[in-house]
Protein backbone atom coordinates (compact mmCIF):
# COMPACT_ATOMS: atom_id res chain seq x y z
CA MET A 1 -40.91 -5.69 -0.64
CA VAL A 2 -39.43 -2.66 -2.66
CA LEU A 3 -42.78 -1.01 -3.04
CA LEU A 4 -42.91 -1.22 0.60
CA PHE A 5 -39.68 0.25 1.10
CA PHE A 6 -40.31 3.08 -1.41
CA SER A 7 -43.29 3.94 0.23
CA ILE A 8 -42.07 4.44 3.66
CA LEU A 9 -39.31 6.91 2.07
CA GLY A 10 -41.92 8.97 0.06
CA GLY A 11 -41.81 10.79 -2.80
CA TRP A 12 -38.26 12.88 -2.55
CA ALA A 13 -36.38 9.11 -2.37
CA LEU A 14 -37.61 8.32 -5.79
CA THR A 15 -36.16 11.87 -7.17
CA VAL A 16 -32.94 10.75 -5.74
CA ILE A 17 -32.88 7.35 -6.90
CA ASN A 18 -33.96 8.60 -10.44
CA PHE A 19 -31.74 11.78 -10.59
CA TYR A 20 -28.57 9.10 -9.32
CA LEU A 21 -30.08 6.41 -12.14
CA ALA A 22 -29.85 9.31 -14.95
CA HIS A 23 -26.52 10.45 -13.71
CA GLN A 24 -24.63 7.19 -12.29
CA MET A 25 -21.76 7.07 -14.77
CA LEU A 26 -20.87 10.69 -13.96
CA PHE A 27 -21.01 10.14 -9.92
CA ASN A 28 -19.00 6.50 -10.28
CA SER A 29 -16.55 8.17 -12.02
CA ILE A 30 -15.93 11.05 -9.95
CA LEU A 31 -15.68 8.50 -6.86
CA VAL A 32 -13.29 6.27 -8.70
CA ALA A 33 -11.37 9.04 -9.61
CA TYR A 34 -11.49 10.73 -5.86
CA GLY A 35 -10.42 7.03 -4.64
CA LEU A 36 -7.22 7.04 -6.66
CA LEU A 37 -6.36 10.55 -5.56
CA LEU A 38 -6.45 9.74 -2.33
CA GLY A 39 -5.16 6.58 -2.46
CA ALA A 40 -1.92 7.82 -4.23
CA SER A 41 -1.75 11.12 -1.74
CA HIS A 42 -1.73 8.41 1.33
CA TYR A 43 1.06 6.31 -0.52
CA THR A 44 3.17 9.57 -0.44
CA MET A 45 2.52 10.43 2.62
CA THR A 46 3.56 6.63 4.10
CA SER A 47 6.60 7.03 1.28
CA LEU A 48 7.74 10.99 2.59
CA ASP A 49 7.18 9.25 6.47
CA ARG A 50 9.70 6.03 5.99
CA HIS A 51 11.64 8.72 4.01
CA LEU A 52 12.36 10.74 7.00
CA CYS A 53 12.56 7.83 9.39
CA ALA A 54 15.48 6.59 7.03
CA ARG A 55 17.17 10.33 6.74
CA LEU A 56 17.03 10.87 10.52
CA LYS A 57 17.46 7.45 11.24
CA THR A 58 15.01 7.11 14.08
CA GLU A 59 11.66 5.61 14.28
CA ASP A 60 10.49 7.87 17.11
CA GLY A 61 7.81 10.29 15.90
CA ALA A 62 8.41 13.28 18.41
CA ALA A 63 12.10 13.32 17.21
CA ILE A 64 10.79 13.14 13.89
CA LEU A 65 8.43 16.16 14.48
CA ARG A 66 11.16 18.16 15.92
CA ALA A 67 13.24 17.55 13.38
CA LEU A 68 10.66 18.86 10.79
CA ALA A 69 9.94 21.90 13.20
CA GLY A 70 13.49 22.75 13.58
CA PRO A 71 16.06 25.03 11.63
CA ASP A 72 16.71 22.00 9.28
CA GLY A 73 13.11 21.21 8.34
CA GLU A 74 13.45 23.33 5.05
CA GLU A 75 16.11 21.29 3.66
CA LEU A 76 13.95 17.87 4.59
CA LEU A 77 10.94 19.16 3.52
CA ARG A 78 12.77 20.18 -0.16
CA GLU A 79 14.54 16.80 -0.47
CA ALA A 80 11.32 15.22 0.31
CA ARG A 81 9.82 17.17 -2.61
CA GLU A 82 12.69 16.39 -4.61
CA ASN A 83 12.03 12.66 -4.30
CA PHE A 84 8.27 12.64 -4.09
CA ARG A 85 6.52 14.44 -6.98
CA PHE A 86 3.02 13.46 -6.34
CA PRO A 87 1.26 17.28 -4.88
CA LEU A 88 -0.79 15.83 -2.39
CA ILE A 89 -0.36 14.24 1.03
CA SER A 90 -3.44 12.58 3.14
CA SER A 91 -3.47 10.93 6.18
CA GLY A 92 -5.06 7.03 6.89
CA VAL A 93 -7.60 8.99 9.18
CA ASP A 94 -9.45 11.27 7.11
CA PHE A 95 -10.59 11.97 3.56
CA ALA A 96 -8.97 14.83 2.97
CA PHE A 97 -6.06 16.40 0.73
CA HIS A 98 -2.86 18.73 1.56
CA SER A 99 -0.08 20.28 0.39
CA PRO A 100 3.56 18.61 1.54
CA ARG A 101 4.27 21.77 3.68
CA LYS A 102 5.79 21.65 6.81
CA ASP A 103 2.66 22.87 9.03
CA SER A 104 0.48 19.90 7.45
CA LEU A 105 3.28 17.34 7.89
CA ILE A 106 3.71 18.09 11.52
CA ARG A 107 -0.27 17.94 12.01
CA LEU A 108 -0.59 14.69 9.85
CA LEU A 109 2.54 13.00 11.15
CA GLY A 110 1.66 14.26 14.97
CA ARG A 111 -1.84 12.46 14.34
CA LYS A 112 -0.07 9.23 13.19
CA TYR A 113 2.43 9.01 16.32
CA ARG A 114 -0.21 10.05 18.36
CA ILE A 115 1.83 13.01 19.89
CA PRO A 116 -0.58 15.30 22.20
CA ARG A 117 -1.81 18.31 20.65
CA ALA A 118 -0.56 20.47 22.71
CA ASP A 119 2.79 19.33 21.79
CA ILE A 120 1.95 19.36 18.37
CA ALA A 121 0.87 23.47 18.71
CA ALA A 122 3.69 24.16 20.54
CA LEU A 123 5.85 22.66 17.66
CA LEU A 124 3.93 24.48 15.28
CA SER A 125 4.47 27.96 17.26
CA ALA A 126 7.66 27.60 17.85
CA ARG A 127 8.38 26.93 14.08
CA THR A 128 6.37 30.42 13.34
CA ASP A 129 8.13 32.40 16.13
CA PRO A 130 10.08 35.39 14.70
CA THR A 131 12.20 35.81 18.07
CA GLU A 132 13.99 32.41 17.49
């Protein structure tokens, strides 16, 4: 059965498998480290979300995003950075890391609370608008 499987895949598949087998300790260590970083950053994101909900005394995602984009957003972000020392955040739907900046928090929390993209874009543009 194995011979049939390898004959279907061809010679390049054997080369890839042999390369992985020769370096499997390195690849598996990288994968475990990435998983640990992803887990820690997701935990930081959920803790930060709970902290913002408790601080603002609301469960409404739109209100949290408006507060982050508003004039008190810098203080909320500074307070959150003091409480959570891990330097990365990530959402539960992607495999990327982000630094805890206002724009990344607005994007990630907007996705979590299912805020329409147009509203998120409006909050991001209003935050960077120099006339306000």
